[in-house]
Amino acid sequence: MTAGRPRRARVIARIPQDRVDPLLCDGVSCPRIGDVVELEQGFTSPQGEPMGIAVCANEDGTIRWVADVFDAELELIS
C-alpha cells in the first residue's frame, strides 16, 4: 500500500441504512453491493468486531454516501 493513499474496497454485503451517515449522503444513493469505497478510520465495534468508515464517491469526487461498515462486508482491492 502506498503511504498516504487510502485503501479501496468493494462492498460485498448489504449495509443497513441505519449505519449510513444522513449528513454525509447525497440523499438519493444507498450503499449497494459492488460499490467501490475508500476506507478511512478503522475501529472496533462494541461487540469487538473490526469496522471502519467507508466513503463512496461519484466520479466527479462528490460524496454519494459514508457509512460505518464491518470488515466482513468488504473485499479489499488496493
Foldseek 3Di string as FASTA:
>chain_A
DDPPDFWKWFFQDADDPVFWDPVQAPVPDGDDGGFMWTWDDWDADPVGFIWTKTWGADPVGRTHIIGIGGPVRIGTDD
